[in-house]
Protein backbone atom coordinates (compact mmCIF):
# COMPACT_ATOMS: atom_id res chain seq x y z
CA UNK A 1 -9.20 16.28 -18.31
CA UNK A 2 -11.05 16.44 -14.99
CA UNK A 3 -13.53 19.19 -14.32
CA UNK A 4 -12.99 21.46 -11.27
CA UNK A 5 -16.12 19.94 -9.68
CA UNK A 6 -14.71 16.40 -9.97
CA UNK A 7 -11.38 17.49 -8.52
CA UNK A 8 -13.09 19.34 -5.66
CA UNK A 9 -15.24 16.30 -4.88
CA UNK A 10 -12.14 14.09 -4.89
CA UNK A 11 -10.40 16.45 -2.47
CA UNK A 12 -13.41 16.63 -0.18
CA UNK A 13 -13.68 12.81 -0.14
CA UNK A 14 -10.19 12.52 1.34
CA UNK A 15 -10.31 11.61 5.04
CA UNK A 16 -6.57 11.79 5.55
CA UNK A 17 -3.63 13.75 4.29
CA UNK A 18 -0.21 12.19 4.07
CA UNK A 19 3.30 13.50 4.39
CA UNK A 20 6.71 11.94 4.07
CA UNK A 21 8.45 12.25 7.42
CA UNK A 22 12.23 12.54 7.57
CA UNK A 23 14.70 10.96 9.95
CA UNK A 24 15.56 12.92 13.05
CA UNK A 25 19.38 13.13 13.41
CA UNK A 26 20.68 11.39 16.50
CA UNK A 27 17.47 9.47 17.09
CA UNK A 28 17.39 5.69 17.54
CA UNK A 29 14.26 5.56 15.40
CA UNK A 30 13.57 6.28 11.76
CA UNK A 31 10.31 8.02 10.93
CA UNK A 32 9.13 6.67 7.61
CA UNK A 33 5.72 8.11 6.92
CA UNK A 34 2.75 9.68 8.64
CA UNK A 35 -0.73 10.99 8.14
CA UNK A 36 -3.15 13.29 9.87
CA UNK A 37 -6.90 12.91 10.09
CA UNK A 38 -9.53 15.60 9.94
CA UNK A 39 -10.24 15.07 13.65
CA UNK A 40 -6.70 16.26 14.45
CA UNK A 41 -5.18 12.86 15.20
CA UNK A 42 -1.74 12.20 13.72
CA UNK A 43 -0.24 8.76 13.09
CA UNK A 44 3.40 8.00 12.36
CA UNK A 45 5.12 4.88 11.04
CA UNK A 46 8.44 4.44 12.83
CA UNK A 47 11.08 1.68 12.95
CA UNK A 48 14.21 1.31 15.02
CA UNK A 49 17.49 2.24 13.38
CA UNK A 50 18.66 -1.39 13.74
CA UNK A 51 15.48 -2.77 12.10
CA UNK A 52 15.71 -0.23 9.28
CA UNK A 53 19.33 -1.22 8.54
CA UNK A 54 18.12 -4.80 7.82
CA UNK A 55 15.88 -3.65 4.97
CA UNK A 56 17.63 -4.38 1.66
CA UNK A 57 18.95 -1.46 -0.35
CA UNK A 58 17.32 -0.86 -3.70
CA UNK A 59 18.38 1.19 -6.71
CA UNK A 60 15.13 1.47 -8.74
CA UNK A 61 16.92 2.65 -11.85
CA UNK A 62 19.05 -0.54 -11.89
CA UNK A 63 16.96 -3.44 -10.57
CA UNK A 64 13.51 -4.75 -9.77
CA UNK A 65 12.22 -4.20 -6.21
CA UNK A 66 13.43 -6.69 -3.57
CA UNK A 67 9.75 -7.33 -2.76
CA UNK A 68 7.30 -7.73 -5.64
CA UNK A 69 4.23 -5.52 -5.51
CA UNK A 70 1.97 -8.59 -5.56
CA UNK A 71 3.71 -9.95 -2.45
CA UNK A 72 3.54 -6.54 -0.76
CA UNK A 73 -0.23 -6.41 -1.35
CA UNK A 74 -0.63 -9.95 0.04
CA UNK A 75 1.38 -9.08 3.16
CA UNK A 76 -0.52 -5.79 3.60
CA UNK A 77 -3.88 -7.55 3.30
CA UNK A 78 -2.90 -10.14 5.93
CA UNK A 79 -1.74 -7.43 8.34
CA UNK A 80 -4.85 -5.32 7.72
CA UNK A 81 -7.20 -8.25 8.26
CA UNK A 82 -5.42 -9.06 11.53
CA UNK A 83 -6.03 -5.47 12.71
CA UNK A 84 -9.52 -5.19 11.19
CA UNK A 85 -11.21 -8.60 11.08
CA UNK A 86 -14.47 -6.86 10.16
CA UNK A 87 -13.01 -6.19 6.68
CA UNK A 88 -13.40 -9.51 4.87
CA UNK A 89 -12.41 -8.20 1.44
CA UNK A 90 -10.02 -5.36 0.64
CA UNK A 91 -9.51 -3.39 -2.55
CA UNK A 92 -6.10 -1.68 -2.99
CA UNK A 93 -6.90 1.81 -4.25
CA UNK A 94 -3.57 3.57 -3.77
CA UNK A 95 -0.05 2.13 -3.76
CA UNK A 96 3.12 4.17 -3.50
CA UNK A 97 6.77 3.26 -3.19
CA UNK A 98 8.68 5.65 -0.93
CA UNK A 99 12.37 6.05 -0.16
CA UNK A 100 13.91 6.82 3.19
CA UNK A 101 17.41 7.05 4.62
CA UNK A 102 18.83 7.19 8.09
CA UNK A 103 22.25 8.07 9.40
CA UNK A 104 23.45 4.45 8.91
CA UNK A 105 21.21 3.09 6.14
CA UNK A 106 20.56 4.62 2.74
CA UNK A 107 18.44 3.79 -0.29
CA UNK A 108 15.82 1.88 1.67
CA UNK A 109 12.35 1.77 0.18
CA UNK A 110 8.88 0.76 1.38
CA UNK A 111 5.33 0.40 0.09
CA UNK A 112 2.39 2.40 1.41
CA UNK A 113 -0.77 0.54 0.44
CA UNK A 114 -4.20 1.97 1.07
CA UNK A 115 -7.28 -0.22 0.94
CA UNK A 116 -11.01 0.31 0.70
CA UNK A 117 -13.01 -2.45 2.32
CA UNK A 118 -15.49 -4.07 -0.06
CA UNK A 119 -19.13 -3.84 0.96
CA UNK A 120 -21.50 -5.99 -1.11
CA UNK A 121 -18.66 -6.44 -3.61
CA UNK A 122 -18.12 -2.69 -4.07
CA UNK A 123 -15.29 -0.51 -2.69
CA UNK A 124 -16.48 1.67 0.19
CA UNK A 125 -14.71 5.04 -0.23
CA UNK A 126 -16.00 6.27 3.15
CA UNK A 127 -13.57 4.06 5.08
CA UNK A 128 -10.03 3.15 4.22
CA UNK A 129 -7.02 1.66 5.92
CA UNK A 130 -3.30 2.05 5.32
CA UNK A 131 -0.52 -0.55 5.55
CA UNK A 132 3.21 0.14 5.33
CA UNK A 133 5.33 -2.78 4.07
CA UNK A 134 9.12 -2.74 4.07
CA UNK A 135 11.05 -4.23 1.13
CA UNK A 136 11.91 -7.27 3.26
CA UNK A 137 8.20 -8.03 3.81
CA UNK A 138 8.01 -6.59 7.31
CA UNK A 139 4.96 -4.56 8.29
CA UNK A 140 5.22 -1.34 10.29
CA UNK A 141 2.24 -0.43 12.44
CA UNK A 142 1.36 3.21 13.02
CA UNK A 143 1.46 4.86 16.38
CA UNK A 144 -0.60 7.83 17.35
CA UNK A 145 1.42 10.93 18.13
CA UNK A 146 0.38 13.54 20.62
CA UNK A 147 -0.77 16.74 18.96
CA UNK A 148 1.60 19.67 19.03
CA UNK A 149 0.70 22.36 21.56
CA UNK A 150 -1.13 25.30 20.04
């Protein structure tokens, strides 16, 4: 059992919060996932409806994932290193598998993989990066959204 102090410290260490974003009816894009930062910036992972339809369906209660988790981590590391060449080594600290549907494609899943860069061989919890990998091995890059008017 964790003490309240440990839980509070874990919550305070978070630099981002994440939410699952739903598809907007009638849109040509599918919003998969997003996160906000403490500085007020918001990033969203979006794919076109046509691209999303190419992702293989998956029924997790009946079959193994179309993309193995080891392959998803490899793909995510390659994409992250391309975006952040300063991170030579990456430690996956959080991996989730999320489901999304659109008006034309259902039961599509994707990995959200969060990495700490390694500094002197140790994970650095003060910086982390996120990669979203589709079940066909494609990587979705985030785009910054304009903040909502207050």
